Amino acid sequence: MELYLDSANLPEIENAFKLGFLTGLTTTPTFMHREGYNDVDGIILKLAKIVPILQIEALGRTAEEIISEAHRQNDLGLDKNKTVYKIPISLEGAKACHILRSEGYMVNMHLIYTLQQAYIAMQAGATYVCPLVGRLQDQGHDAITLVEQCVNAVNKYNYPSKVMFSSVRNAEHVRNALNVGVHTITVPWKVLQLLPQNNFTTVGTEQFFEDTKLMTTKVKDVYHKENACISKNSTINEALVKMTMSKLGAITIVDEIGNIYGIFTDGDLRRIVEKEGDAVLSKQLSTLPSKQPVTIDKEAYLIDSSQLFKQYKIDTLVVTSDGKPDGMLDIQDLL
């Protein structure tokens, strides 16, 4: 199924066609008016250089006027093989369509609201037959059934026309178009952006990134390099100040030669204060029960740290280098 963008907004057109898989662009005088263009011919030529196939309006009250307008636009420098001329359905429009098709032009008979209109367009040889789904539904009509009837008519009578599903309002319309088997669909940029989105896809993709990060990133790439260490002869209050300055929830206690003696955490602080009151803040860390930290070498991978966090049910690891404390790894660093 062909996929067209329905727009006249130059920035979004340029962004959309960088995707590389769009068939072409459909646009209307209303779109151009909305964007504030004054030089219609100029913008048409500019768009023709950006998109693979451009569908533009050839307006006229009579078949002769429509044909003349299509010839005039083509003479601007457009490529007949890359330009589709859009004509509102009418007997004069169908006549113009038949003549232009005999001259090798591509034609989109649009503003289709009934099967009878679609039949006239097909009989006139239209390259595209274009029912407007959103507008029909706004009026309370069963637009999806109409599109399906158009597809069935093309298939049953072997018309060369392609049914274009247009006036798309939401992603559900795209699913409808696929289900009824249309040959082409034209969508606004805001709907096109929604088509690949799904929360399960987002969650799954993020999980892949997280798992890959755990297996390929080393501790040294993410840990807190601030060497949050304190002597065992320091007071709990000094440890609290240093923890606050380092913005970490734990601090490594070391002995006189810098070896790991223990660890002191904000959880330890809460438990001690609850038990002994704030007088405990003047106590030396060496008077506390010895508690050895769980360590990890900075050359280890994050997957190893993840396993340690789970195994010991802790939030902080002491990162070491050559056996000496070198920093901290918080469980939040894995996110």
Protein backbone atom coordinates (compact mmCIF):
# COMPACT_ATOMS: atom_id res chain seq x y z
CA MET A 1 0.00 0.00 0.00
CA GLU A 2 1.32 3.42 -0.94
CA LEU A 3 1.81 5.96 1.84
CA TYR A 4 1.45 9.69 1.17
CA LEU A 5 1.92 12.65 3.47
CA ASP A 6 -0.99 15.11 3.47
CA SER A 7 0.43 18.59 4.13
CA ALA A 8 1.64 21.96 2.87
CA ASN A 9 3.84 22.74 5.88
CA LEU A 10 7.37 22.93 4.53
CA PRO A 11 9.30 22.04 7.74
CA GLU A 12 7.20 18.95 8.44
CA ILE A 13 7.37 17.91 4.78
CA GLU A 14 11.16 18.13 4.84
CA ASN A 15 11.30 16.11 8.07
CA ALA A 16 8.83 13.48 6.84
CA PHE A 17 10.62 12.81 3.56
CA LYS A 18 13.93 12.25 5.33
CA LEU A 19 12.31 8.97 6.45
CA GLY A 20 12.82 7.65 2.94
CA PHE A 21 9.77 5.39 2.67
CA LEU A 22 6.96 7.80 1.74
CA THR A 23 5.45 7.45 -1.72
CA GLY A 24 4.69 11.13 -2.15
CA LEU A 25 2.83 14.23 -1.00
CA THR A 26 -0.80 15.30 -1.35
CA THR A 27 -1.67 18.94 -0.80
CA THR A 28 -4.56 21.33 -1.36
CA PRO A 29 -5.15 25.06 -1.94
CA THR A 30 -6.69 25.16 1.56
CA PHE A 31 -3.49 23.81 3.09
CA MET A 32 -1.44 26.38 1.17
CA HIS A 33 -3.74 29.21 2.24
CA ARG A 34 -3.45 28.06 5.85
CA GLU A 35 0.35 28.20 5.63
CA GLY A 36 0.18 31.75 4.24
CA TYR A 37 1.78 31.09 0.83
CA ASN A 38 1.43 33.84 -1.77
CA ASP A 39 3.44 32.33 -4.62
CA VAL A 40 1.50 29.10 -5.22
CA ASP A 41 3.45 28.16 -8.35
CA GLY A 42 6.71 28.78 -6.53
CA ILE A 43 5.84 26.52 -3.62
CA ILE A 44 4.62 23.81 -5.99
CA LEU A 45 7.96 23.80 -7.80
CA LYS A 46 9.80 23.74 -4.48
CA LEU A 47 7.77 20.80 -3.23
CA ALA A 48 8.29 18.92 -6.49
CA LYS A 49 12.03 18.95 -5.83
CA ILE A 50 11.57 17.49 -2.34
CA VAL A 51 9.07 14.67 -2.82
CA PRO A 52 9.03 11.62 -5.15
CA ILE A 53 5.45 12.21 -6.34
CA LEU A 54 3.45 15.41 -5.87
CA GLN A 55 -0.34 15.56 -6.00
CA ILE A 56 -1.69 19.09 -6.63
CA GLU A 57 -5.01 20.66 -7.53
CA ALA A 58 -5.97 21.46 -11.13
CA LEU A 59 -8.99 23.72 -10.68
CA GLY A 60 -11.53 24.78 -13.26
CA ARG A 61 -15.28 25.08 -13.75
CA THR A 62 -15.22 23.29 -17.09
CA ALA A 63 -13.23 20.39 -18.48
CA GLU A 64 -11.41 22.82 -20.75
CA GLU A 65 -10.39 25.04 -17.81
CA ILE A 66 -9.20 22.04 -15.79
CA ILE A 67 -7.14 20.69 -18.69
CA SER A 68 -5.69 24.13 -19.37
CA GLU A 69 -4.66 24.50 -15.74
CA ALA A 70 -3.00 21.07 -15.70
CA HIS A 71 -1.09 21.98 -18.90
CA ARG A 72 -0.07 25.33 -17.41
CA GLN A 73 1.24 23.76 -14.22
CA ASN A 74 3.07 21.07 -16.14
CA ASP A 75 4.75 23.76 -18.28
CA LEU A 76 6.18 25.34 -15.12
CA GLY A 77 8.73 22.58 -15.19
CA LEU A 78 6.92 19.71 -13.47
CA ASP A 79 7.59 16.10 -14.43
CA LYS A 80 4.46 14.43 -15.84
CA ASN A 81 5.64 11.09 -14.45
CA LYS A 82 5.99 12.49 -10.92
CA THR A 83 2.91 14.74 -10.75
CA VAL A 84 -0.70 13.81 -10.07
CA TYR A 85 -3.41 16.37 -10.85
CA LYS A 86 -6.28 16.38 -8.36
CA ILE A 87 -9.76 17.11 -9.71
CA PRO A 88 -12.99 17.30 -7.67
CA ILE A 89 -15.56 14.79 -8.90
CA SER A 90 -18.15 16.12 -11.38
CA LEU A 91 -19.12 15.35 -14.96
CA GLU A 92 -16.83 18.12 -16.21
CA GLY A 93 -14.11 16.84 -13.90
CA ALA A 94 -14.57 13.27 -15.16
CA LYS A 95 -14.39 14.53 -18.75
CA ALA A 96 -11.15 16.37 -17.99
CA CYS A 97 -9.81 13.28 -16.24
CA HIS A 98 -10.50 11.09 -19.27
CA ILE A 99 -8.74 13.52 -21.64
CA LEU A 100 -5.74 14.10 -19.35
CA ARG A 101 -5.33 10.36 -18.87
CA SER A 102 -5.30 9.90 -22.65
CA GLU A 103 -2.48 12.47 -22.76
CA GLY A 104 -0.44 10.50 -20.22
CA TYR A 105 -1.19 12.59 -17.14
CA MET A 106 -1.93 11.03 -13.74
CA VAL A 107 -5.22 12.16 -12.16
CA ASN A 108 -6.73 11.91 -8.68
CA MET A 109 -10.51 12.27 -8.67
CA HIS A 110 -11.19 13.38 -5.11
CA LEU A 111 -13.89 14.78 -2.80
CA ILE A 112 -15.63 11.40 -3.24
CA TYR A 113 -18.55 10.86 -0.87
CA THR A 114 -20.65 8.19 -2.61
CA LEU A 115 -20.06 4.93 -4.47
CA GLN A 116 -21.71 6.44 -7.54
CA GLN A 117 -19.14 9.25 -7.59
CA ALA A 118 -16.35 6.69 -7.22
CA TYR A 119 -17.80 4.68 -10.12
CA ILE A 120 -17.76 7.72 -12.44
CA ALA A 121 -14.15 8.42 -11.46
CA MET A 122 -13.14 4.82 -12.16
CA GLN A 123 -14.99 4.79 -15.45
CA ALA A 124 -13.19 8.00 -16.48
CA GLY A 125 -9.87 6.24 -15.87
CA ALA A 126 -8.75 8.08 -12.72
CA THR A 127 -5.37 7.01 -11.44
CA TYR A 128 -6.61 7.57 -7.89
CA VAL A 129 -10.15 7.57 -6.50
CA CYS A 130 -10.20 9.41 -3.20
CA PRO A 131 -13.01 9.11 -0.61
CA LEU A 132 -12.74 11.49 2.37
CA VAL A 133 -13.24 9.29 5.42
CA GLY A 134 -12.94 11.79 8.25
CA ARG A 135 -15.33 14.28 6.69
CA LEU A 136 -17.90 11.56 5.97
CA GLN A 137 -17.73 10.28 9.53
CA ASP A 138 -18.18 13.85 10.82
CA GLN A 139 -21.57 13.77 9.04
CA GLY A 140 -22.52 10.44 10.63
CA HIS A 141 -21.95 8.27 7.54
CA ASP A 142 -20.35 4.82 7.40
CA ALA A 143 -17.23 5.94 5.56
CA ILE A 144 -15.32 2.68 6.05
CA THR A 145 -18.02 0.73 4.24
CA LEU A 146 -17.85 3.21 1.34
CA VAL A 147 -14.08 2.75 1.05
CA GLU A 148 -14.51 -1.04 1.14
CA GLN A 149 -17.15 -0.81 -1.62
CA CYS A 150 -14.74 1.25 -3.73
CA VAL A 151 -11.99 -1.36 -3.27
CA ASN A 152 -14.42 -4.15 -4.17
CA ALA A 153 -15.52 -2.29 -7.33
CA VAL A 154 -11.92 -1.86 -8.48
CA ASN A 155 -11.19 -5.53 -7.87
CA LYS A 156 -14.45 -6.84 -9.35
CA TYR A 157 -14.40 -4.79 -12.56
CA ASN A 158 -10.60 -4.63 -12.97
CA TYR A 159 -10.45 -0.84 -13.03
CA PRO A 160 -6.85 0.47 -13.11
CA SER A 161 -7.71 3.04 -10.43
CA LYS A 162 -6.18 3.00 -6.94
CA VAL A 163 -8.45 3.73 -4.00
CA MET A 164 -6.89 6.41 -1.77
CA PHE A 165 -8.02 6.56 1.86
CA SER A 166 -7.94 10.28 2.79
CA SER A 167 -9.10 12.74 5.46
CA VAL A 168 -7.29 10.65 8.05
CA ARG A 169 -7.84 11.82 11.63
CA ASN A 170 -6.15 9.15 13.76
CA ALA A 171 -4.08 5.97 13.80
CA GLU A 172 -7.27 3.88 13.87
CA HIS A 173 -8.06 5.16 10.38
CA VAL A 174 -4.78 3.70 9.14
CA ARG A 175 -5.72 0.31 10.59
CA ASN A 176 -9.11 0.61 8.90
CA ALA A 177 -7.42 1.37 5.59
CA LEU A 178 -5.21 -1.70 5.87
CA ASN A 179 -8.14 -3.92 6.79
CA VAL A 180 -10.29 -2.91 3.81
CA GLY A 181 -7.37 -3.30 1.41
CA VAL A 182 -7.01 0.19 -0.03
CA HIS A 183 -4.18 0.78 -2.49
CA THR A 184 -2.93 4.02 -0.98
CA ILE A 185 -3.45 6.26 2.03
CA THR A 186 -2.56 9.87 2.73
CA VAL A 187 -1.99 10.95 6.34
CA PRO A 188 -1.10 14.17 8.17
CA TRP A 189 2.29 14.38 9.88
CA LYS A 190 0.79 14.22 13.38
CA VAL A 191 -0.83 10.86 12.59
CA LEU A 192 2.23 9.51 10.79
CA GLN A 193 4.29 10.15 13.92
CA LEU A 194 1.86 8.07 16.00
CA LEU A 195 1.94 4.94 13.83
CA PRO A 196 5.07 3.27 15.25
CA GLN A 197 4.25 4.17 18.86
CA ASN A 198 3.19 1.63 21.46
CA ASN A 199 3.86 1.59 25.20
CA PHE A 200 4.91 -2.08 25.19
CA THR A 201 7.42 -1.32 22.44
CA THR A 202 8.80 1.62 24.43
CA VAL A 203 9.12 -0.45 27.61
CA GLY A 204 10.75 -3.33 25.75
CA THR A 205 13.20 -1.07 23.95
CA GLU A 206 14.24 0.66 27.18
CA GLN A 207 14.75 -2.75 28.79
CA PHE A 208 17.10 -3.71 25.94
CA PHE A 209 19.10 -0.53 26.50
CA GLU A 210 19.30 -1.13 30.25
CA ASP A 211 20.36 -4.76 29.85
CA THR A 212 22.95 -3.83 27.24
CA LYS A 213 24.28 -1.09 29.51
CA LEU A 214 24.68 -3.57 32.37
CA MET A 215 26.68 -5.96 30.19
CA THR A 216 28.89 -3.43 28.38
CA THR A 217 29.45 -0.58 30.85
CA LYS A 218 32.05 -0.79 33.58
CA VAL A 219 31.65 0.48 37.12
CA LYS A 220 34.40 3.04 36.53
CA ASP A 221 32.25 4.72 33.86
CA VAL A 222 29.38 5.60 36.20
CA TYR A 223 30.46 5.49 39.84
CA HIS A 224 30.91 8.48 42.14
CA LYS A 225 34.61 9.18 41.93
CA GLU A 226 34.49 11.33 45.03
CA ASN A 227 36.54 9.29 47.50
CA ALA A 228 34.01 9.53 50.33
CA CYS A 229 36.22 8.06 53.05
CA ILE A 230 36.73 8.97 56.67
CA SER A 231 39.09 7.82 59.41
CA LYS A 232 37.75 5.38 61.97
CA ASN A 233 38.91 7.85 64.65
CA SER A 234 36.53 10.54 63.33
CA THR A 235 33.23 11.26 65.00
CA ILE A 236 29.80 10.34 63.73
CA ASN A 237 29.08 14.05 63.35
CA GLU A 238 32.15 14.46 61.09
CA ALA A 239 30.97 11.48 59.05
CA LEU A 240 27.52 13.08 58.72
CA VAL A 241 29.02 16.35 57.45
CA LYS A 242 31.21 14.57 54.91
CA MET A 243 28.34 12.41 53.70
CA THR A 244 26.21 15.50 53.23
CA MET A 245 28.94 17.26 51.24
CA SER A 246 29.47 14.20 49.01
CA LYS A 247 25.68 13.86 48.48
CA LEU A 248 25.97 10.14 49.15
CA GLY A 249 24.01 8.00 51.57
CA ALA A 250 27.09 6.22 52.88
CA ILE A 251 30.74 6.76 53.71
CA THR A 252 33.65 4.34 53.78
CA ILE A 253 35.54 4.05 57.08
CA VAL A 254 39.29 3.48 56.71
CA ASP A 255 42.11 2.69 59.11
CA GLU A 256 45.40 4.52 59.57
CA ILE A 257 46.93 3.20 56.32
CA GLY A 258 43.83 3.66 54.13
CA ASN A 259 42.53 0.11 54.20
CA ILE A 260 38.79 -0.46 54.45
CA TYR A 261 37.70 -0.70 58.08
CA GLY A 262 33.93 -0.54 57.63
CA ILE A 263 31.03 1.49 56.28
CA PHE A 264 28.62 3.99 57.81
CA THR A 265 25.26 4.72 56.19
CA ASP A 266 22.41 7.16 56.71
CA GLY A 267 20.37 4.15 57.86
CA ASP A 268 22.94 3.45 60.55
CA LEU A 269 22.68 7.08 61.66
CA ARG A 270 18.89 6.94 62.02
CA ARG A 271 19.01 3.74 64.04
CA ILE A 272 21.72 5.02 66.41
CA VAL A 273 20.03 8.39 66.99
CA GLU A 274 16.68 6.68 67.65
CA LYS A 275 18.39 4.44 70.22
CA GLU A 276 20.81 6.85 71.94
CA GLY A 277 19.75 10.38 70.99
CA ASP A 278 21.83 13.14 69.42
CA ALA A 279 24.57 12.75 72.05
CA VAL A 280 25.82 9.84 69.97
CA LEU A 281 27.06 12.29 67.30
CA SER A 282 30.23 12.92 69.30
CA LYS A 283 31.17 9.23 69.41
CA GLN A 284 34.06 7.94 67.31
CA LEU A 285 33.22 5.64 64.43
CA SER A 286 35.61 3.04 65.86
CA THR A 287 33.24 2.56 68.81
CA LEU A 288 30.47 1.33 66.56
CA PRO A 289 29.95 -2.35 65.80
CA SER A 290 32.19 -3.27 62.85
CA LYS A 291 30.27 -3.67 59.60
CA GLN A 292 32.20 -4.63 56.47
CA PRO A 293 30.95 -3.07 53.23
CA VAL A 294 30.25 -4.98 50.04
CA THR A 295 32.88 -3.96 47.51
CA ILE A 296 33.34 -4.10 43.77
CA ASP A 297 36.37 -3.35 41.64
CA LYS A 298 36.00 -0.39 39.32
CA GLU A 299 36.95 -2.59 36.34
CA ALA A 300 33.93 -4.85 36.91
CA TYR A 301 30.84 -4.57 34.72
CA LEU A 302 27.56 -3.14 35.96
CA ILE A 303 25.91 -6.56 35.62
CA ASP A 304 28.19 -7.70 38.48
CA SER A 305 27.13 -4.77 40.64
CA SER A 306 23.48 -5.46 39.87
CA GLN A 307 23.86 -9.00 41.14
CA LEU A 308 25.53 -7.75 44.34
CA PHE A 309 22.74 -5.23 44.97
CA LYS A 310 20.17 -8.02 44.66
CA GLN A 311 22.15 -10.58 46.62
CA TYR A 312 22.83 -8.38 49.65
CA LYS A 313 19.70 -6.21 49.39
CA ILE A 314 21.71 -3.01 49.69
CA ASP A 315 21.72 0.36 47.94
CA THR A 316 25.43 1.22 48.00
CA LEU A 317 28.66 -0.54 46.99
CA VAL A 318 32.17 0.60 47.84
CA VAL A 319 34.19 0.81 44.63
CA THR A 320 37.81 -0.26 44.96
CA SER A 321 40.98 0.11 42.91
CA ASP A 322 43.85 -2.23 43.74
CA GLY A 323 42.04 -3.10 46.95
CA LYS A 324 41.77 0.50 48.14
CA PRO A 325 38.48 2.43 48.38
CA ASP A 326 38.07 4.64 45.32
CA GLY A 327 34.47 5.81 45.44
CA MET A 328 30.84 4.73 45.74
CA LEU A 329 28.29 3.12 43.44
CA ASP A 330 24.65 3.78 44.26
CA ILE A 331 21.88 1.55 42.96
CA GLN A 332 20.39 4.62 41.24
CA ASP A 333 23.55 4.84 39.12
CA LEU A 334 22.35 1.76 37.24
CA LEU A 335 19.21 3.54 36.01
